[in-house]
Amino acid sequence: MGDAYLDIETTGLSWLDAEITVIGIYVVNGKDSRLVQMVGRDLTKGNLIEAVEGVQTIYTYNGSRLDPPFIHGSLGIYLEAIIVVTAKCGIA
């Protein structure tokens, strides 16, 4: 089981009137790591689920306040139901 560092870029602050433009995920599993960036047509529920497969904890800059609710509203994925989501500020 690995950890992931997730960040999204959006056109606004609410999924009700804005869109996700980029999802970036850095997945670390022991000595292995990979960077996944989804843009445009790659921003799908299936691609996001595939990207976090095997991840135990997702760290986001905004914790559970922005990224997970925005993803849930836009893509219909409730990340917190399948993975621990936590805030960790200052991650490079």
C-alpha atoms as a PDB file:
ATOM      1  CA  MET A   1       0.000   0.000   0.000  1.00  0.00           C
ATOM      2  CA  GLY A   2       1.305   3.404  -0.934  1.00  0.00           C
ATOM      3  CA  ASP A   3       0.620   7.049  -0.311  1.00  0.00           C
ATOM      4  CA  ALA A   4      -0.398   9.689  -2.812  1.00  0.00           C
ATOM      5  CA  TYR A   5      -0.110  13.457  -2.947  1.00  0.00           C
ATOM      6  CA  LEU A   6      -3.028  14.968  -4.840  1.00  0.00           C
ATOM      7  CA  ASP A   7      -3.745  18.447  -6.124  1.00  0.00           C
ATOM      8  CA  ILE A   8      -6.413  19.752  -8.466  1.00  0.00           C
ATOM      9  CA  GLU A   9      -6.676  22.921 -10.504  1.00  0.00           C
ATOM     10  CA  THR A  10     -10.127  24.336 -11.202  1.00  0.00           C
ATOM     11  CA  THR A  11     -11.823  27.222 -12.950  1.00  0.00           C
ATOM     12  CA  GLY A  12     -13.496  28.295  -9.678  1.00  0.00           C
ATOM     13  CA  LEU A  13     -14.142  27.364  -6.068  1.00  0.00           C
ATOM     14  CA  SER A  14     -17.360  25.333  -6.395  1.00  0.00           C
ATOM     15  CA  TRP A  15     -18.015  22.289  -8.528  1.00  0.00           C
ATOM     16  CA  LEU A  16     -21.519  23.652  -9.083  1.00  0.00           C
ATOM     17  CA  ASP A  17     -20.268  26.384 -11.411  1.00  0.00           C
ATOM     18  CA  ALA A  18     -16.650  25.456 -12.174  1.00  0.00           C
ATOM     19  CA  GLU A  19     -14.683  22.611 -13.696  1.00  0.00           C
ATOM     20  CA  ILE A  20     -11.592  20.632 -12.822  1.00  0.00           C
ATOM     21  CA  THR A  21      -8.890  21.454 -15.352  1.00  0.00           C
ATOM     22  CA  VAL A  22      -6.047  19.298 -13.980  1.00  0.00           C
ATOM     23  CA  ILE A  23      -5.645  16.492 -11.465  1.00  0.00           C
ATOM     24  CA  GLY A  24      -2.091  15.752 -10.425  1.00  0.00           C
ATOM     25  CA  ILE A  25      -1.230  12.724  -8.296  1.00  0.00           C
ATOM     26  CA  TYR A  26       2.215  11.681  -7.093  1.00  0.00           C
ATOM     27  CA  VAL A  27       2.053   8.073  -5.896  1.00  0.00           C
ATOM     28  CA  VAL A  28       4.795   6.668  -3.652  1.00  0.00           C
ATOM     29  CA  ASN A  29       5.000   2.975  -2.818  1.00  0.00           C
ATOM     30  CA  GLY A  30       8.258   2.095  -1.098  1.00  0.00           C
ATOM     31  CA  LYS A  31      11.086   2.952  -3.477  1.00  0.00           C
ATOM     32  CA  ASP A  32       8.741   3.164  -6.460  1.00  0.00           C
ATOM     33  CA  SER A  33       6.962   6.362  -7.423  1.00  0.00           C
ATOM     34  CA  ARG A  34       4.966   7.671 -10.340  1.00  0.00           C
ATOM     35  CA  LEU A  35       3.413  10.942 -11.384  1.00  0.00           C
ATOM     36  CA  VAL A  36      -0.045  10.959 -12.926  1.00  0.00           C
ATOM     37  CA  GLN A  37      -1.441  14.093 -14.536  1.00  0.00           C
ATOM     38  CA  MET A  38      -4.934  14.150 -15.966  1.00  0.00           C
ATOM     39  CA  VAL A  39      -5.976  16.955 -18.289  1.00  0.00           C
ATOM     40  CA  GLY A  40      -8.854  17.363 -20.724  1.00  0.00           C
ATOM     41  CA  ARG A  41     -10.347  14.057 -21.841  1.00  0.00           C
ATOM     42  CA  ASP A  42      -8.132  12.173 -19.372  1.00  0.00           C
ATOM     43  CA  LEU A  43     -10.148  13.656 -16.471  1.00  0.00           C
ATOM     44  CA  THR A  44     -12.433  10.663 -15.971  1.00  0.00           C
ATOM     45  CA  LYS A  45     -13.752   8.671 -13.048  1.00  0.00           C
ATOM     46  CA  GLY A  46     -12.089   5.521 -14.372  1.00  0.00           C
ATOM     47  CA  ASN A  47      -8.679   7.152 -14.772  1.00  0.00           C
ATOM     48  CA  LEU A  48      -8.782   8.598 -11.266  1.00  0.00           C
ATOM     49  CA  ILE A  49      -9.793   5.282  -9.703  1.00  0.00           C
ATOM     50  CA  GLU A  50      -7.000   3.553 -11.613  1.00  0.00           C
ATOM     51  CA  ALA A  51      -4.465   6.193 -10.500  1.00  0.00           C
ATOM     52  CA  VAL A  52      -5.231   5.694  -6.790  1.00  0.00           C
ATOM     53  CA  GLU A  53      -5.455   1.903  -6.895  1.00  0.00           C
ATOM     54  CA  GLY A  54      -3.355   0.493  -4.069  1.00  0.00           C
ATOM     55  CA  VAL A  55      -3.104   3.853  -2.292  1.00  0.00           C
ATOM     56  CA  GLN A  56      -3.743   3.831   1.436  1.00  0.00           C
ATOM     57  CA  THR A  57      -3.568   7.565   2.213  1.00  0.00           C
ATOM     58  CA  ILE A  58      -3.988  10.643   0.033  1.00  0.00           C
ATOM     59  CA  TYR A  59      -2.396  13.883   1.174  1.00  0.00           C
ATOM     60  CA  THR A  60      -3.753  17.160  -0.169  1.00  0.00           C
ATOM     61  CA  TYR A  61      -2.766  20.733   0.522  1.00  0.00           C
ATOM     62  CA  ASN A  62      -6.355  21.641   1.347  1.00  0.00           C
ATOM     63  CA  GLY A  63      -7.243  18.425   3.167  1.00  0.00           C
ATOM     64  CA  SER A  64     -10.871  17.417   2.914  1.00  0.00           C
ATOM     65  CA  ARG A  65     -12.181  20.971   2.346  1.00  0.00           C
ATOM     66  CA  LEU A  66     -11.666  21.437  -1.392  1.00  0.00           C
ATOM     67  CA  ASP A  67     -10.178  18.657  -3.473  1.00  0.00           C
ATOM     68  CA  PRO A  68     -12.252  15.627  -2.351  1.00  0.00           C
ATOM     69  CA  PRO A  69     -15.625  17.467  -2.401  1.00  0.00           C
ATOM     70  CA  PHE A  70     -14.821  18.990  -5.796  1.00  0.00           C
ATOM     71  CA  ILE A  71     -13.859  15.570  -7.177  1.00  0.00           C
ATOM     72  CA  HIS A  72     -17.008  14.046  -5.680  1.00  0.00           C
ATOM     73  CA  GLY A  73     -19.245  16.696  -7.221  1.00  0.00           C
ATOM     74  CA  SER A  74     -17.536  16.673 -10.612  1.00  0.00           C
ATOM     75  CA  LEU A  75     -16.671  13.004 -11.110  1.00  0.00           C
ATOM     76  CA  GLY A  76     -18.938  11.238  -8.630  1.00  0.00           C
ATOM     77  CA  ILE A  77     -16.058   9.681  -6.679  1.00  0.00           C
ATOM     78  CA  TYR A  78     -16.186   9.905  -2.898  1.00  0.00           C
ATOM     79  CA  LEU A  79     -12.462   9.453  -2.182  1.00  0.00           C
ATOM     80  CA  GLU A  80     -12.918   9.514   1.582  1.00  0.00           C
ATOM     81  CA  ALA A  81     -15.047   6.365   1.398  1.00  0.00           C
ATOM     82  CA  ILE A  82     -12.168   4.349  -0.053  1.00  0.00           C
ATOM     83  CA  ILE A  83      -9.001   6.152   1.109  1.00  0.00           C
ATOM     84  CA  VAL A  84      -7.869   8.191   4.111  1.00  0.00           C
ATOM     85  CA  VAL A  85      -7.603  11.853   3.030  1.00  0.00           C
ATOM     86  CA  THR A  86      -5.517  14.194   5.131  1.00  0.00           C
ATOM     87  CA  ALA A  87      -4.037  17.681   4.928  1.00  0.00           C
ATOM     88  CA  LYS A  88      -0.324  18.124   4.783  1.00  0.00           C
ATOM     89  CA  CYS A  89       0.771  21.647   3.964  1.00  0.00           C
ATOM     90  CA  GLY A  90       4.080  22.561   2.426  1.00  0.00           C
ATOM     91  CA  ILE A  91       4.684  19.406   0.410  1.00  0.00           C
ATOM     92  CA  ALA A  92       7.093  20.052  -2.435  1.00  0.00           C
END
